[in-house]
Amino acid sequence: MRLLLAEDDDMLGSSMQKALKLAGFQVDWVKEGAAVLTAASAASYDALLLDLGLPGLDGLQVLQSLRQRGNHLPVLIVSARQTVQDRIGGLNCGADDYITKPFDLNELVARLHALIRRNQGRSQPVLNCGALVLDPIRREAQLAGQPLELSQREFDLLQHLMERPGAVLSREQLESRLYGWQEEVASNAIEVHLHHLRRKLGSDWIKNVRGVGYKLVDASAIKPAA
C-alpha cells in the first residue's frame, strides 16, 4: 500500500516514514501544502497522512482543495492540535480520521488499515480468494492452509491483486503501489515478481491479459479436466 505523508518536521517525518515502511507501506514524504496537491494529482495513493501546520497552504486548506477538486483520497489528519473543535473542524473539512501527536505507532498503523479497508468497501481485515488467504496487518499469507514465504515485494504485489480480484491491473498500476519516488524500477521488475509469485502459488492464480495487464483468479475453484 502506498501512502503520501505530509509533515514539515524533519525528525518526525523521517521517523514516521521509516516506521511505516517497516510496517509494510510505501511512503512518499512531502513537507509543504502545495507539494501535497501536486503529489496527489500525479500519483495514486491509498491514504494521505496530513499534518495541519504545513508551510504555505496549511493542512485544512490542502484538505479543502482536495475535496473541491473531487479527490476522494482517504485522509488521516496527524496533528498536535488536540481540542475537540480542532478535531471537528478537520473532520468537517473532509478528513476521514484524526489522531493527535504524540501518538502510538501501532494505533496509527491500525487506523490506516481500517481507513483503507473502509475505502475499499471491506469490513474484514483479512483478504480471501478461494484457498488463498492474506493478512495485511500480520503480513502473513496462506494457500490451502499452508504458509507462504513471500518477499516484501511479492507480498505487496499479491495484496494489491487480492484487493481487486478479477480486475485487470496494468504494469504501471502495480509499479505505482510497490515503488516510491526515490526508487529505481527496472523495466521488467513486475514481471520478475510475478514469476516468483507464480512459482509459489501455481501458474493458474495470476493470469496475463495480453496487452492490458494481470489479474488474480481463484485457481482453487478450477475443476481439473476429466
C-alpha atoms as a PDB file:
ATOM      1  CA  MET A   1       0.000   0.000   0.000  1.00  0.00           C
ATOM      2  CA  ARG A   2       1.269   3.442  -0.909  1.00  0.00           C
ATOM      3  CA  LEU A   3       0.934   6.435   1.391  1.00  0.00           C
ATOM      4  CA  LEU A   4       1.504  10.156   0.994  1.00  0.00           C
ATOM      5  CA  LEU A   5       2.943  11.697   4.165  1.00  0.00           C
ATOM      6  CA  ALA A   6       2.684  15.478   4.649  1.00  0.00           C
ATOM      7  CA  GLU A   7       4.837  16.554   7.612  1.00  0.00           C
ATOM      8  CA  ASP A   8       7.129  19.575   7.833  1.00  0.00           C
ATOM      9  CA  ASP A   9       9.083  18.447  10.902  1.00  0.00           C
ATOM     10  CA  ASP A  10      12.216  16.720   9.593  1.00  0.00           C
ATOM     11  CA  MET A  11      12.785  14.465  12.594  1.00  0.00           C
ATOM     12  CA  LEU A  12       9.172  13.353  12.924  1.00  0.00           C
ATOM     13  CA  GLY A  13       8.685  12.953   9.181  1.00  0.00           C
ATOM     14  CA  SER A  14      11.809  10.838   8.824  1.00  0.00           C
ATOM     15  CA  SER A  15      10.903   8.601  11.770  1.00  0.00           C
ATOM     16  CA  MET A  16       7.320   8.162  10.523  1.00  0.00           C
ATOM     17  CA  GLN A  17       8.494   7.281   7.025  1.00  0.00           C
ATOM     18  CA  LYS A  18      10.915   4.662   8.336  1.00  0.00           C
ATOM     19  CA  ALA A  19       8.417   3.165  10.789  1.00  0.00           C
ATOM     20  CA  LEU A  20       5.622   2.972   8.216  1.00  0.00           C
ATOM     21  CA  LYS A  21       7.942   1.314   5.720  1.00  0.00           C
ATOM     22  CA  LEU A  22       8.764  -1.316   8.340  1.00  0.00           C
ATOM     23  CA  ALA A  23       5.002  -1.825   8.739  1.00  0.00           C
ATOM     24  CA  GLY A  24       4.751  -2.682   5.028  1.00  0.00           C
ATOM     25  CA  PHE A  25       3.787   0.663   3.469  1.00  0.00           C
ATOM     26  CA  GLN A  26       5.457   2.543   0.642  1.00  0.00           C
ATOM     27  CA  VAL A  27       5.719   6.167   1.781  1.00  0.00           C
ATOM     28  CA  ASP A  28       6.280   9.341  -0.235  1.00  0.00           C
ATOM     29  CA  TRP A  29       7.047  12.292   2.064  1.00  0.00           C
ATOM     30  CA  VAL A  30       6.389  15.982   1.327  1.00  0.00           C
ATOM     31  CA  LYS A  31       6.884  18.994   3.606  1.00  0.00           C
ATOM     32  CA  GLU A  32       4.692  21.749   2.119  1.00  0.00           C
ATOM     33  CA  GLY A  33       0.997  22.114   1.435  1.00  0.00           C
ATOM     34  CA  ALA A  34       1.373  22.843  -2.273  1.00  0.00           C
ATOM     35  CA  ALA A  35       3.509  19.715  -2.677  1.00  0.00           C
ATOM     36  CA  VAL A  36       0.642  17.609  -1.305  1.00  0.00           C
ATOM     37  CA  LEU A  37      -1.678  18.796  -4.067  1.00  0.00           C
ATOM     38  CA  THR A  38       0.971  18.203  -6.725  1.00  0.00           C
ATOM     39  CA  ALA A  39       1.728  14.685  -5.493  1.00  0.00           C
ATOM     40  CA  ALA A  40      -1.933  13.744  -5.077  1.00  0.00           C
ATOM     41  CA  SER A  41      -2.676  14.759  -8.659  1.00  0.00           C
ATOM     42  CA  ALA A  42       0.383  12.993 -10.094  1.00  0.00           C
ATOM     43  CA  ALA A  43       0.151   9.580  -8.393  1.00  0.00           C
ATOM     44  CA  SER A  44      -2.378   7.210  -6.884  1.00  0.00           C
ATOM     45  CA  TYR A  45      -2.256   6.679  -3.110  1.00  0.00           C
ATOM     46  CA  ASP A  46      -4.145   4.520  -0.651  1.00  0.00           C
ATOM     47  CA  ALA A  47      -4.188   7.244   2.014  1.00  0.00           C
ATOM     48  CA  LEU A  48      -2.798  10.653   2.997  1.00  0.00           C
ATOM     49  CA  LEU A  49      -1.345  11.382   6.437  1.00  0.00           C
ATOM     50  CA  LEU A  50      -1.812  15.115   6.796  1.00  0.00           C
ATOM     51  CA  ASP A  51      -0.241  17.486   9.334  1.00  0.00           C
ATOM     52  CA  LEU A  52      -2.245  20.685   9.809  1.00  0.00           C
ATOM     53  CA  GLY A  53       0.705  23.006  10.423  1.00  0.00           C
ATOM     54  CA  LEU A  54       2.237  22.902   6.958  1.00  0.00           C
ATOM     55  CA  PRO A  55       4.044  25.932   5.486  1.00  0.00           C
ATOM     56  CA  GLY A  56       2.365  27.746   2.632  1.00  0.00           C
ATOM     57  CA  LEU A  57      -1.049  26.138   2.371  1.00  0.00           C
ATOM     58  CA  ASP A  58      -1.922  24.713   5.777  1.00  0.00           C
ATOM     59  CA  GLY A  59      -3.438  21.278   6.223  1.00  0.00           C
ATOM     60  CA  LEU A  60      -7.058  22.427   6.258  1.00  0.00           C
ATOM     61  CA  GLN A  61      -6.557  24.458   3.081  1.00  0.00           C
ATOM     62  CA  VAL A  62      -4.963  21.430   1.429  1.00  0.00           C
ATOM     63  CA  LEU A  63      -7.850  19.228   2.527  1.00  0.00           C
ATOM     64  CA  GLN A  64     -10.472  21.680   1.291  1.00  0.00           C
ATOM     65  CA  SER A  65      -8.695  21.990  -2.058  1.00  0.00           C
ATOM     66  CA  LEU A  66      -8.515  18.206  -2.483  1.00  0.00           C
ATOM     67  CA  ARG A  67     -12.225  17.800  -1.813  1.00  0.00           C
ATOM     68  CA  GLN A  68     -13.169  20.740  -4.050  1.00  0.00           C
ATOM     69  CA  ARG A  69     -11.243  19.036  -6.861  1.00  0.00           C
ATOM     70  CA  GLY A  70     -13.258  15.875  -6.331  1.00  0.00           C
ATOM     71  CA  ASN A  71     -10.297  13.942  -4.931  1.00  0.00           C
ATOM     72  CA  HIS A  72     -11.643  11.226  -2.600  1.00  0.00           C
ATOM     73  CA  LEU A  73      -8.254  10.124  -1.267  1.00  0.00           C
ATOM     74  CA  PRO A  74      -8.699   8.853   2.320  1.00  0.00           C
ATOM     75  CA  VAL A  75      -7.172  11.402   4.712  1.00  0.00           C
ATOM     76  CA  LEU A  76      -5.918  10.790   8.235  1.00  0.00           C
ATOM     77  CA  ILE A  77      -5.035  14.048   9.995  1.00  0.00           C
ATOM     78  CA  VAL A  78      -1.987  13.710  12.271  1.00  0.00           C
ATOM     79  CA  SER A  79      -1.777  16.902  14.324  1.00  0.00           C
ATOM     80  CA  ALA A  80      -0.649  18.379  17.629  1.00  0.00           C
ATOM     81  CA  ARG A  81      -3.925  20.342  17.742  1.00  0.00           C
ATOM     82  CA  GLN A  82      -5.879  18.434  20.362  1.00  0.00           C
ATOM     83  CA  THR A  83      -9.089  20.342  21.125  1.00  0.00           C
ATOM     84  CA  VAL A  84     -12.492  18.960  20.252  1.00  0.00           C
ATOM     85  CA  GLN A  85     -13.080  21.917  17.943  1.00  0.00           C
ATOM     86  CA  ASP A  86      -9.850  21.152  16.075  1.00  0.00           C
ATOM     87  CA  ARG A  87     -10.970  17.561  15.519  1.00  0.00           C
ATOM     88  CA  ILE A  88     -14.452  18.617  14.488  1.00  0.00           C
ATOM     89  CA  GLY A  89     -13.013  21.203  12.083  1.00  0.00           C
ATOM     90  CA  GLY A  90     -10.739  18.659  10.436  1.00  0.00           C
ATOM     91  CA  LEU A  91     -13.481  16.082  10.034  1.00  0.00           C
ATOM     92  CA  ASN A  92     -15.954  18.649   8.729  1.00  0.00           C
ATOM     93  CA  CYS A  93     -13.409  19.755   6.115  1.00  0.00           C
ATOM     94  CA  GLY A  94     -13.369  16.243   4.680  1.00  0.00           C
ATOM     95  CA  ALA A  95     -10.891  14.225   6.751  1.00  0.00           C
ATOM     96  CA  ASP A  96     -11.768  10.589   7.342  1.00  0.00           C
ATOM     97  CA  ASP A  97      -9.986  10.252  10.679  1.00  0.00           C
ATOM     98  CA  TYR A  98      -7.966  12.321  13.156  1.00  0.00           C
ATOM     99  CA  ILE A  99      -5.154  11.327  15.520  1.00  0.00           C
ATOM    100  CA  THR A 100      -3.225  13.659  17.823  1.00  0.00           C
ATOM    101  CA  LYS A 101       0.505  13.930  18.457  1.00  0.00           C
ATOM    102  CA  PRO A 102       2.188  12.289  20.234  1.00  0.00           C
ATOM    103  CA  PHE A 103       0.635   9.040  19.022  1.00  0.00           C
ATOM    104  CA  ASP A 104       1.260   5.332  19.380  1.00  0.00           C
ATOM    105  CA  LEU A 105       2.651   3.907  16.147  1.00  0.00           C
ATOM    106  CA  ASN A 106       0.597   0.715  16.439  1.00  0.00           C
ATOM    107  CA  GLU A 107      -2.573   2.794  16.740  1.00  0.00           C
ATOM    108  CA  LEU A 108      -1.571   4.855  13.713  1.00  0.00           C
ATOM    109  CA  VAL A 109      -0.994   1.708  11.634  1.00  0.00           C
ATOM    110  CA  ALA A 110      -4.296   0.192  12.821  1.00  0.00           C
ATOM    111  CA  ARG A 111      -6.179   3.369  11.893  1.00  0.00           C
ATOM    112  CA  LEU A 112      -4.550   3.380   8.456  1.00  0.00           C
ATOM    113  CA  HIS A 113      -5.541  -0.220   7.793  1.00  0.00           C
ATOM    114  CA  ALA A 114      -9.108   0.484   8.930  1.00  0.00           C
ATOM    115  CA  LEU A 115      -9.290   3.639   6.810  1.00  0.00           C
ATOM    116  CA  ILE A 116      -8.039   1.897   3.681  1.00  0.00           C
ATOM    117  CA  ARG A 117     -10.298  -1.088   4.329  1.00  0.00           C
ATOM    118  CA  ARG A 118     -13.376   1.135   4.577  1.00  0.00           C
ATOM    119  CA  ASN A 119     -12.411   2.960   1.399  1.00  0.00           C
ATOM    120  CA  GLN A 120     -12.188  -0.363  -0.418  1.00  0.00           C
ATOM    121  CA  GLY A 121     -15.609  -1.393   0.879  1.00  0.00           C
ATOM    122  CA  ARG A 122     -14.257  -4.217   3.036  1.00  0.00           C
ATOM    123  CA  SER A 123     -15.311  -4.967   6.599  1.00  0.00           C
ATOM    124  CA  GLN A 124     -12.898  -7.836   7.221  1.00  0.00           C
ATOM    125  CA  PRO A 125      -9.164  -7.212   7.733  1.00  0.00           C
ATOM    126  CA  VAL A 126      -8.184 -10.493   6.055  1.00  0.00           C
ATOM    127  CA  LEU A 127      -8.298 -10.881   2.253  1.00  0.00           C
ATOM    128  CA  ASN A 128      -9.618 -14.118   0.782  1.00  0.00           C
ATOM    129  CA  CYS A 129      -9.678 -15.578  -2.710  1.00  0.00           C
ATOM    130  CA  GLY A 130     -10.674 -19.224  -2.546  1.00  0.00           C
ATOM    131  CA  ALA A 131      -7.935 -21.164  -0.798  1.00  0.00           C
ATOM    132  CA  LEU A 132      -5.668 -18.113  -0.804  1.00  0.00           C
ATOM    133  CA  VAL A 133      -5.691 -16.009   2.391  1.00  0.00           C
ATOM    134  CA  LEU A 134      -3.688 -12.854   3.102  1.00  0.00           C
ATOM    135  CA  ASP A 135      -3.482 -10.851   6.330  1.00  0.00           C
ATOM    136  CA  PRO A 136      -2.140  -7.329   5.592  1.00  0.00           C
ATOM    137  CA  ILE A 137      -1.729  -6.462   9.272  1.00  0.00           C
ATOM    138  CA  ARG A 138       0.289  -9.531  10.287  1.00  0.00           C
ATOM    139  CA  ARG A 139       1.946  -9.659   6.870  1.00  0.00           C
ATOM    140  CA  GLU A 140       1.098 -13.352   6.542  1.00  0.00           C
ATOM    141  CA  ALA A 141      -0.246 -15.370   3.604  1.00  0.00           C
ATOM    142  CA  GLN A 142      -1.510 -18.935   3.303  1.00  0.00           C
ATOM    143  CA  LEU A 143      -2.506 -21.203   0.454  1.00  0.00           C
ATOM    144  CA  ALA A 144      -4.765 -24.146   1.313  1.00  0.00           C
ATOM    145  CA  GLY A 145      -3.816 -23.710   4.977  1.00  0.00           C
ATOM    146  CA  GLN A 146      -0.078 -23.760   4.319  1.00  0.00           C
ATOM    147  CA  PRO A 147       2.040 -20.648   4.973  1.00  0.00           C
ATOM    148  CA  LEU A 148       3.581 -18.883   2.003  1.00  0.00           C
ATOM    149  CA  GLU A 149       7.089 -17.482   2.271  1.00  0.00           C
ATOM    150  CA  LEU A 150       6.935 -14.225   0.329  1.00  0.00           C
ATOM    151  CA  SER A 151       9.365 -11.356  -0.054  1.00  0.00           C
ATOM    152  CA  GLN A 152       8.100  -7.860   0.774  1.00  0.00           C
ATOM    153  CA  ARG A 153       7.567  -7.047  -2.901  1.00  0.00           C
ATOM    154  CA  GLU A 154       5.819 -10.350  -3.560  1.00  0.00           C
ATOM    155  CA  PHE A 155       3.532  -9.805  -0.585  1.00  0.00           C
ATOM    156  CA  ASP A 156       2.690  -6.244  -1.642  1.00  0.00           C
ATOM    157  CA  LEU A 157       2.023  -7.325  -5.207  1.00  0.00           C
ATOM    158  CA  LEU A 158      -0.225 -10.182  -4.119  1.00  0.00           C
ATOM    159  CA  GLN A 159      -2.085  -7.900  -1.724  1.00  0.00           C
ATOM    160  CA  HIS A 160      -2.805  -5.371  -4.464  1.00  0.00           C
ATOM    161  CA  LEU A 161      -4.127  -8.113  -6.745  1.00  0.00           C
ATOM    162  CA  MET A 162      -6.245  -9.623  -3.951  1.00  0.00           C
ATOM    163  CA  GLU A 163      -7.789  -6.248  -3.137  1.00  0.00           C
ATOM    164  CA  ARG A 164      -9.213  -6.247  -6.671  1.00  0.00           C
ATOM    165  CA  PRO A 165      -9.906  -9.901  -7.535  1.00  0.00           C
ATOM    166  CA  GLY A 166     -10.783 -10.362 -11.182  1.00  0.00           C
ATOM    167  CA  ALA A 167      -9.777  -6.801 -12.099  1.00  0.00           C
ATOM    168  CA  VAL A 168      -7.095  -6.390 -14.747  1.00  0.00           C
ATOM    169  CA  LEU A 169      -4.260  -4.214 -13.443  1.00  0.00           C
ATOM    170  CA  SER A 170      -1.597  -2.756 -15.704  1.00  0.00           C
ATOM    171  CA  ARG A 171       2.119  -2.967 -15.031  1.00  0.00           C
ATOM    172  CA  GLU A 172       2.110   0.780 -14.357  1.00  0.00           C
ATOM    173  CA  GLN A 173      -0.654   0.439 -11.751  1.00  0.00           C
ATOM    174  CA  LEU A 174       1.240  -2.315  -9.981  1.00  0.00           C
ATOM    175  CA  GLU A 175       4.504  -0.372 -10.065  1.00  0.00           C
ATOM    176  CA  SER A 176       2.807   2.659  -8.509  1.00  0.00           C
ATOM    177  CA  ARG A 177       1.806   0.574  -5.483  1.00  0.00           C
ATOM    178  CA  LEU A 178       5.158  -1.155  -4.997  1.00  0.00           C
ATOM    179  CA  TYR A 179       7.649   1.653  -5.510  1.00  0.00           C
ATOM    180  CA  GLY A 180       8.092   5.156  -4.136  1.00  0.00           C
ATOM    181  CA  TRP A 181       9.628   8.270  -5.719  1.00  0.00           C
ATOM    182  CA  GLN A 182      13.196   7.580  -4.713  1.00  0.00           C
ATOM    183  CA  GLU A 183      13.347   4.011  -6.012  1.00  0.00           C
ATOM    184  CA  GLU A 184      14.647   2.989  -9.391  1.00  0.00           C
ATOM    185  CA  VAL A 185      12.402   0.460 -11.105  1.00  0.00           C
ATOM    186  CA  ALA A 186      13.787  -1.994 -13.637  1.00  0.00           C
ATOM    187  CA  SER A 187      11.659  -2.320 -16.755  1.00  0.00           C
ATOM    188  CA  ASN A 188      10.905  -5.979 -16.007  1.00  0.00           C
ATOM    189  CA  ALA A 189      10.581  -5.682 -12.204  1.00  0.00           C
ATOM    190  CA  ILE A 190       6.869  -6.505 -12.061  1.00  0.00           C
ATOM    191  CA  GLU A 191       7.291  -9.462 -14.394  1.00  0.00           C
ATOM    192  CA  VAL A 192      10.082 -10.827 -12.188  1.00  0.00           C
ATOM    193  CA  HIS A 193       7.956 -10.555  -9.034  1.00  0.00           C
ATOM    194  CA  LEU A 194       5.002 -12.153 -10.823  1.00  0.00           C
ATOM    195  CA  HIS A 195       7.216 -15.017 -11.986  1.00  0.00           C
ATOM    196  CA  HIS A 196       8.294 -15.690  -8.399  1.00  0.00           C
ATOM    197  CA  LEU A 197       4.713 -15.474  -7.166  1.00  0.00           C
ATOM    198  CA  ARG A 198       3.512 -17.959  -9.762  1.00  0.00           C
ATOM    199  CA  ARG A 199       6.219 -20.402  -8.728  1.00  0.00           C
ATOM    200  CA  LYS A 200       4.962 -20.247  -5.141  1.00  0.00           C
ATOM    201  CA  LEU A 201       1.209 -20.139  -5.853  1.00  0.00           C
ATOM    202  CA  GLY A 202       0.946 -22.145  -9.025  1.00  0.00           C
ATOM    203  CA  SER A 203       0.645 -20.797 -12.539  1.00  0.00           C
ATOM    204  CA  ASP A 204      -3.183 -20.654 -12.615  1.00  0.00           C
ATOM    205  CA  TRP A 205      -3.654 -17.975  -9.947  1.00  0.00           C
ATOM    206  CA  ILE A 206      -2.356 -14.942 -11.866  1.00  0.00           C
ATOM    207  CA  LYS A 207      -3.468 -14.530 -15.472  1.00  0.00           C
ATOM    208  CA  ASN A 208      -1.789 -12.380 -18.095  1.00  0.00           C
ATOM    209  CA  VAL A 209      -4.281 -10.396 -20.188  1.00  0.00           C
ATOM    210  CA  ARG A 210      -2.181  -9.717 -23.251  1.00  0.00           C
ATOM    211  CA  GLY A 211      -1.548  -6.050 -23.906  1.00  0.00           C
ATOM    212  CA  VAL A 212      -3.532  -4.959 -20.830  1.00  0.00           C
ATOM    213  CA  GLY A 213      -2.130  -6.363 -17.582  1.00  0.00           C
ATOM    214  CA  TYR A 214      -2.642  -9.031 -14.953  1.00  0.00           C
ATOM    215  CA  LYS A 215      -5.477 -10.318 -12.797  1.00  0.00           C
ATOM    216  CA  LEU A 216      -5.939 -12.703  -9.888  1.00  0.00           C
ATOM    217  CA  VAL A 217      -8.346 -15.619 -10.285  1.00  0.00           C
ATOM    218  CA  ASP A 218      -9.479 -18.326  -7.860  1.00  0.00           C
ATOM    219  CA  ALA A 219      -7.468 -21.276  -9.110  1.00  0.00           C
ATOM    220  CA  SER A 220      -8.830 -23.450  -6.280  1.00  0.00           C
ATOM    221  CA  ALA A 221     -12.269 -23.278  -7.940  1.00  0.00           C
ATOM    222  CA  ILE A 222     -10.966 -24.538 -11.301  1.00  0.00           C
ATOM    223  CA  LYS A 223     -12.007 -28.130 -11.825  1.00  0.00           C
ATOM    224  CA  PRO A 224      -9.429 -30.411 -13.427  1.00  0.00           C
ATOM    225  CA  ALA A 225     -10.279 -31.696 -16.896  1.00  0.00           C
ATOM    226  CA  ALA A 226     -11.965 -35.107 -16.925  1.00  0.00           C
END
